[in-house]
Amino acid sequence: MVRWNEPLELPVVLKTKYAYHALLWLLQPEVVLDVGSMDGSDSKRFRKLLARAEIVAFEGDPDS
């Protein structure tokens, strides 16, 4: 169990990411904005989850 005053450990963060992907899959949004997309790996994952959605990736730092 994670308590509010303990630091988050890596497994909890990974579970959060998978929960977010599951939520996207359940809601099936028409548009997904990936702001701060860095290398676009999450956008590629979104495409696999949401075949019909418009995926817009934006990275403001050209060095990322």
PDB file of N, CA and C in Angstrom:
ATOM      1  N   MET A   1       0.843  -1.170   0.000  1.00  0.00           N
ATOM      2  CA  MET A   1       0.000   0.000   0.000  1.00  0.00           C
ATOM      3  C   MET A   1       0.896   1.244   0.000  1.00  0.00           C
ATOM      4  N   VAL A   2       0.517   2.238  -0.803  1.00  0.00           N
ATOM      5  CA  VAL A   2       1.268   3.489  -0.865  1.00  0.00           C
ATOM      6  C   VAL A   2       0.597   4.496   0.055  1.00  0.00           C
ATOM      7  N   ARG A   3       1.377   5.078   0.925  1.00  0.00           N
ATOM      8  CA  ARG A   3       0.847   6.099   1.835  1.00  0.00           C
ATOM      9  C   ARG A   3       1.155   7.471   1.246  1.00  0.00           C
ATOM     10  N   TRP A   4       0.372   8.454   1.621  1.00  0.00           N
ATOM     11  CA  TRP A   4       0.488   9.797   1.041  1.00  0.00           C
ATOM     12  C   TRP A   4       1.834  10.441   1.316  1.00  0.00           C
ATOM     13  N   ASN A   5       2.518  10.066   2.400  1.00  0.00           N
ATOM     14  CA  ASN A   5       3.781  10.716   2.748  1.00  0.00           C
ATOM     15  C   ASN A   5       5.014   9.924   2.313  1.00  0.00           C
ATOM     16  N   GLU A   6       4.815   8.833   1.573  1.00  0.00           N
ATOM     17  CA  GLU A   6       5.941   8.047   1.080  1.00  0.00           C
ATOM     18  C   GLU A   6       6.216   8.417  -0.376  1.00  0.00           C
ATOM     19  N   PRO A   7       7.481   8.390  -0.785  1.00  0.00           N
ATOM     20  CA  PRO A   7       7.788   8.686  -2.191  1.00  0.00           C
ATOM     21  C   PRO A   7       7.237   7.587  -3.102  1.00  0.00           C
ATOM     22  N   LEU A   8       6.850   7.964  -4.318  1.00  0.00           N
ATOM     23  CA  LEU A   8       6.369   6.986  -5.282  1.00  0.00           C
ATOM     24  C   LEU A   8       7.535   6.154  -5.794  1.00  0.00           C
ATOM     25  N   GLU A   9       7.303   4.874  -5.926  1.00  0.00           N
ATOM     26  CA  GLU A   9       8.309   3.984  -6.474  1.00  0.00           C
ATOM     27  C   GLU A   9       7.978   3.714  -7.929  1.00  0.00           C
ATOM     28  N   LEU A  10       8.941   3.232  -8.673  1.00  0.00           N
ATOM     29  CA  LEU A  10       8.786   3.003 -10.099  1.00  0.00           C
ATOM     30  C   LEU A  10       7.568   2.147 -10.452  1.00  0.00           C
ATOM     31  N   PRO A  11       7.310   1.036  -9.772  1.00  0.00           N
ATOM     32  CA  PRO A  11       6.141   0.238 -10.152  1.00  0.00           C
ATOM     33  C   PRO A  11       4.821   1.006 -10.072  1.00  0.00           C
ATOM     34  N   VAL A  12       4.675   1.913  -9.130  1.00  0.00           N
ATOM     35  CA  VAL A  12       3.445   2.695  -9.006  1.00  0.00           C
ATOM     36  C   VAL A  12       3.299   3.616 -10.214  1.00  0.00           C
ATOM     37  N   VAL A  13       4.391   4.218 -10.662  1.00  0.00           N
ATOM     38  CA  VAL A  13       4.354   5.102 -11.822  1.00  0.00           C
ATOM     39  C   VAL A  13       3.981   4.306 -13.065  1.00  0.00           C
ATOM     40  N   LEU A  14       4.555   3.132 -13.240  1.00  0.00           N
ATOM     41  CA  LEU A  14       4.212   2.309 -14.396  1.00  0.00           C
ATOM     42  C   LEU A  14       2.746   1.905 -14.373  1.00  0.00           C
ATOM     43  N   LYS A  15       2.222   1.584 -13.213  1.00  0.00           N
ATOM     44  CA  LYS A  15       0.809   1.235 -13.110  1.00  0.00           C
ATOM     45  C   LYS A  15      -0.056   2.424 -13.504  1.00  0.00           C
ATOM     46  N   THR A  16       0.360   3.630 -13.139  1.00  0.00           N
ATOM     47  CA  THR A  16      -0.383   4.831 -13.509  1.00  0.00           C
ATOM     48  C   THR A  16      -0.413   5.001 -15.016  1.00  0.00           C
ATOM     49  N   LYS A  17       0.709   4.759 -15.681  1.00  0.00           N
ATOM     50  CA  LYS A  17       0.779   4.885 -17.133  1.00  0.00           C
ATOM     51  C   LYS A  17      -0.159   3.885 -17.800  1.00  0.00           C
ATOM     52  N   TYR A  18      -0.164   2.653 -17.333  1.00  0.00           N
ATOM     53  CA  TYR A  18      -1.049   1.648 -17.910  1.00  0.00           C
ATOM     54  C   TYR A  18      -2.510   1.974 -17.618  1.00  0.00           C
ATOM     55  N   ALA A  19      -2.784   2.534 -16.456  1.00  0.00           N
ATOM     56  CA  ALA A  19      -4.154   2.941 -16.130  1.00  0.00           C
ATOM     57  C   ALA A  19      -4.612   4.050 -17.077  1.00  0.00           C
ATOM     58  N   TYR A  20      -3.720   4.981 -17.404  1.00  0.00           N
ATOM     59  CA  TYR A  20      -4.036   6.062 -18.342  1.00  0.00           C
ATOM     60  C   TYR A  20      -4.338   5.481 -19.727  1.00  0.00           C
ATOM     61  N   HIS A  21      -3.537   4.527 -20.177  1.00  0.00           N
ATOM     62  CA  HIS A  21      -3.775   3.901 -21.476  1.00  0.00           C
ATOM     63  C   HIS A  21      -5.104   3.156 -21.479  1.00  0.00           C
ATOM     64  N   ALA A  22      -5.421   2.481 -20.393  1.00  0.00           N
ATOM     65  CA  ALA A  22      -6.707   1.778 -20.298  1.00  0.00           C
ATOM     66  C   ALA A  22      -7.870   2.765 -20.340  1.00  0.00           C
ATOM     67  N   LEU A  23      -7.708   3.899 -19.684  1.00  0.00           N
ATOM     68  CA  LEU A  23      -8.746   4.929 -19.695  1.00  0.00           C
ATOM     69  C   LEU A  23      -8.955   5.475 -21.106  1.00  0.00           C
ATOM     70  N   LEU A  24      -7.874   5.723 -21.823  1.00  0.00           N
ATOM     71  CA  LEU A  24      -7.995   6.169 -23.219  1.00  0.00           C
ATOM     72  C   LEU A  24      -8.736   5.134 -24.053  1.00  0.00           C
ATOM     73  N   TRP A  25      -8.389   3.877 -23.872  1.00  0.00           N
ATOM     74  CA  TRP A  25      -9.021   2.812 -24.640  1.00  0.00           C
ATOM     75  C   TRP A  25     -10.516   2.730 -24.335  1.00  0.00           C
ATOM     76  N   LEU A  26     -10.883   2.899 -23.072  1.00  0.00           N
ATOM     77  CA  LEU A  26     -12.295   2.839 -22.684  1.00  0.00           C
ATOM     78  C   LEU A  26     -13.092   4.034 -23.200  1.00  0.00           C
ATOM     79  N   LEU A  27     -12.519   5.229 -23.123  1.00  0.00           N
ATOM     80  CA  LEU A  27     -13.238   6.444 -23.524  1.00  0.00           C
ATOM     81  C   LEU A  27     -13.254   6.662 -25.033  1.00  0.00           C
ATOM     82  N   GLN A  28     -12.261   6.143 -25.739  1.00  0.00           N
ATOM     83  CA  GLN A  28     -12.170   6.275 -27.192  1.00  0.00           C
ATOM     84  C   GLN A  28     -12.350   7.728 -27.658  1.00  0.00           C
ATOM     85  N   PRO A  29     -11.475   8.648 -27.227  1.00  0.00           N
ATOM     86  CA  PRO A  29     -11.606  10.039 -27.658  1.00  0.00           C
ATOM     87  C   PRO A  29     -11.348  10.169 -29.160  1.00  0.00           C
ATOM     88  N   GLU A  30     -11.881  11.227 -29.750  1.00  0.00           N
ATOM     89  CA  GLU A  30     -11.689  11.474 -31.174  1.00  0.00           C
ATOM     90  C   GLU A  30     -10.345  12.139 -31.452  1.00  0.00           C
ATOM     91  N   VAL A  31      -9.836  12.899 -30.476  1.00  0.00           N
ATOM     92  CA  VAL A  31      -8.567  13.620 -30.630  1.00  0.00           C
ATOM     93  C   VAL A  31      -7.729  13.422 -29.369  1.00  0.00           C
ATOM     94  N   VAL A  32      -6.441  13.162 -29.554  1.00  0.00           N
ATOM     95  CA  VAL A  32      -5.499  13.063 -28.436  1.00  0.00           C
ATOM     96  C   VAL A  32      -4.352  14.034 -28.715  1.00  0.00           C
ATOM     97  N   LEU A  33      -4.075  14.915 -27.779  1.00  0.00           N
ATOM     98  CA  LEU A  33      -2.955  15.841 -27.893  1.00  0.00           C
ATOM     99  C   LEU A  33      -1.822  15.330 -27.020  1.00  0.00           C
ATOM    100  N   ASP A  34      -0.691  15.054 -27.632  1.00  0.00           N
ATOM    101  CA  ASP A  34       0.495  14.612 -26.904  1.00  0.00           C
ATOM    102  C   ASP A  34       1.451  15.798 -26.844  1.00  0.00           C
ATOM    103  N   VAL A  35       1.275  16.622 -25.823  1.00  0.00           N
ATOM    104  CA  VAL A  35       2.074  17.841 -25.668  1.00  0.00           C
ATOM    105  C   VAL A  35       3.331  17.487 -24.883  1.00  0.00           C
ATOM    106  N   GLY A  36       4.481  17.841 -25.436  1.00  0.00           N
ATOM    107  CA  GLY A  36       5.756  17.439 -24.842  1.00  0.00           C
ATOM    108  C   GLY A  36       6.063  16.010 -25.222  1.00  0.00           C
ATOM    109  N   SER A  37       5.875  15.689 -26.492  1.00  0.00           N
ATOM    110  CA  SER A  37       5.928  14.296 -26.948  1.00  0.00           C
ATOM    111  C   SER A  37       7.336  13.701 -27.001  1.00  0.00           C
ATOM    112  N   MET A  38       8.358  14.535 -26.872  1.00  0.00           N
ATOM    113  CA  MET A  38       9.753  14.077 -26.930  1.00  0.00           C
ATOM    114  C   MET A  38      10.002  13.253 -28.186  1.00  0.00           C
ATOM    115  N   ASP A  39      10.139  11.939 -28.084  1.00  0.00           N
ATOM    116  CA  ASP A  39      10.454  11.106 -29.257  1.00  0.00           C
ATOM    117  C   ASP A  39       9.214  10.538 -29.946  1.00  0.00           C
ATOM    118  N   GLY A  40       8.030  10.819 -29.421  1.00  0.00           N
ATOM    119  CA  GLY A  40       6.795  10.353 -30.042  1.00  0.00           C
ATOM    120  C   GLY A  40       6.410   8.927 -29.698  1.00  0.00           C
ATOM    121  N   SER A  41       7.104   8.300 -28.766  1.00  0.00           N
ATOM    122  CA  SER A  41       6.804   6.899 -28.443  1.00  0.00           C
ATOM    123  C   SER A  41       5.405   6.736 -27.854  1.00  0.00           C
ATOM    124  N   ASP A  42       4.971   7.685 -27.034  1.00  0.00           N
ATOM    125  CA  ASP A  42       3.604   7.596 -26.501  1.00  0.00           C
ATOM    126  C   ASP A  42       2.573   7.785 -27.608  1.00  0.00           C
ATOM    127  N   SER A  43       2.851   8.668 -28.554  1.00  0.00           N
ATOM    128  CA  SER A  43       1.928   8.873 -29.674  1.00  0.00           C
ATOM    129  C   SER A  43       1.762   7.591 -30.481  1.00  0.00           C
ATOM    130  N   LYS A  44       2.833   6.860 -30.665  1.00  0.00           N
ATOM    131  CA  LYS A  44       2.752   5.583 -31.376  1.00  0.00           C
ATOM    132  C   LYS A  44       1.888   4.589 -30.610  1.00  0.00           C
ATOM    133  N   ARG A  45       2.030   4.589 -29.289  1.00  0.00           N
ATOM    134  CA  ARG A  45       1.217   3.718 -28.451  1.00  0.00           C
ATOM    135  C   ARG A  45      -0.258   4.129 -28.519  1.00  0.00           C
ATOM    136  N   PHE A  46      -0.505   5.446 -28.516  1.00  0.00           N
ATOM    137  CA  PHE A  46      -1.881   5.936 -28.633  1.00  0.00           C
ATOM    138  C   PHE A  46      -2.496   5.481 -29.951  1.00  0.00           C
ATOM    139  N   ARG A  47      -1.712   5.499 -31.017  1.00  0.00           N
ATOM    140  CA  ARG A  47      -2.212   5.064 -32.328  1.00  0.00           C
ATOM    141  C   ARG A  47      -2.649   3.611 -32.289  1.00  0.00           C
ATOM    142  N   LYS A  48      -1.888   2.771 -31.607  1.00  0.00           N
ATOM    143  CA  LYS A  48      -2.263   1.359 -31.496  1.00  0.00           C
ATOM    144  C   LYS A  48      -3.549   1.186 -30.695  1.00  0.00           C
ATOM    145  N   LEU A  49      -3.726   2.019 -29.659  1.00  0.00           N
ATOM    146  CA  LEU A  49      -4.925   1.927 -28.823  1.00  0.00           C
ATOM    147  C   LEU A  49      -6.156   2.527 -29.487  1.00  0.00           C
ATOM    148  N   LEU A  50      -5.952   3.591 -30.253  1.00  0.00           N
ATOM    149  CA  LEU A  50      -7.066   4.368 -30.797  1.00  0.00           C
ATOM    150  C   LEU A  50      -6.911   4.509 -32.314  1.00  0.00           C
ATOM    151  N   ALA A  51      -7.328   3.502 -33.039  1.00  0.00           N
ATOM    152  CA  ALA A  51      -7.119   3.468 -34.487  1.00  0.00           C
ATOM    153  C   ALA A  51      -7.819   4.610 -35.215  1.00  0.00           C
ATOM    154  N   ARG A  52      -8.964   5.071 -34.713  1.00  0.00           N
ATOM    155  CA  ARG A  52      -9.745   6.098 -35.413  1.00  0.00           C
ATOM    156  C   ARG A  52      -9.484   7.514 -34.918  1.00  0.00           C
ATOM    157  N   ALA A  53      -8.755   7.664 -33.844  1.00  0.00           N
ATOM    158  CA  ALA A  53      -8.542   8.997 -33.260  1.00  0.00           C
ATOM    159  C   ALA A  53      -7.502   9.784 -34.046  1.00  0.00           C
ATOM    160  N   GLU A  54      -7.642  11.095 -33.989  1.00  0.00           N
ATOM    161  CA  GLU A  54      -6.609  11.974 -34.541  1.00  0.00           C
ATOM    162  C   GLU A  54      -5.584  12.198 -33.433  1.00  0.00           C
ATOM    163  N   ILE A  55      -4.334  11.864 -33.693  1.00  0.00           N
ATOM    164  CA  ILE A  55      -3.259  12.004 -32.717  1.00  0.00           C
ATOM    165  C   ILE A  55      -2.403  13.195 -33.145  1.00  0.00           C
ATOM    166  N   VAL A  56      -2.278  14.188 -32.256  1.00  0.00           N
ATOM    167  CA  VAL A  56      -1.465  15.370 -32.540  1.00  0.00           C
ATOM    168  C   VAL A  56      -0.333  15.403 -31.521  1.00  0.00           C
ATOM    169  N   ALA A  57       0.894  15.270 -32.007  1.00  0.00           N
ATOM    170  CA  ALA A  57       2.074  15.311 -31.132  1.00  0.00           C
ATOM    171  C   ALA A  57       2.778  16.649 -31.301  1.00  0.00           C
ATOM    172  N   PHE A  58       3.144  17.252 -30.190  1.00  0.00           N
ATOM    173  CA  PHE A  58       3.837  18.543 -30.207  1.00  0.00           C
ATOM    174  C   PHE A  58       5.006  18.489 -29.251  1.00  0.00           C
ATOM    175  N   GLU A  59       6.182  18.860 -29.749  1.00  0.00           N
ATOM    176  CA  GLU A  59       7.375  18.983 -28.903  1.00  0.00           C
ATOM    177  C   GLU A  59       7.979  20.349 -29.154  1.00  0.00           C
ATOM    178  N   GLY A  60       8.034  21.175 -28.129  1.00  0.00           N
ATOM    179  CA  GLY A  60       8.542  22.542 -28.257  1.00  0.00           C
ATOM    180  C   GLY A  60      10.050  22.642 -28.264  1.00  0.00           C
ATOM    181  N   ASP A  61      10.743  21.622 -27.797  1.00  0.00           N
ATOM    182  CA  ASP A  61      12.202  21.635 -27.742  1.00  0.00           C
ATOM    183  C   ASP A  61      12.760  20.843 -28.914  1.00  0.00           C
ATOM    184  N   PRO A  62      13.367  21.502 -29.897  1.00  0.00           N
ATOM    185  CA  PRO A  62      13.852  20.771 -31.066  1.00  0.00           C
ATOM    186  C   PRO A  62      14.991  19.792 -30.758  1.00  0.00           C
ATOM    187  N   ASP A  63      15.598  19.889 -29.599  1.00  0.00           N
ATOM    188  CA  ASP A  63      16.685  18.990 -29.231  1.00  0.00           C
ATOM    189  C   ASP A  63      16.207  17.733 -28.525  1.00  0.00           C
ATOM    190  N   SER A  64      14.908  17.610 -28.288  1.00  0.00           N
ATOM    191  CA  SER A  64      14.379  16.419 -27.590  1.00  0.00           C
ATOM    192  C   SER A  64      14.121  15.280 -28.533  1.00  0.00           C
TER     193      SER A  64
END
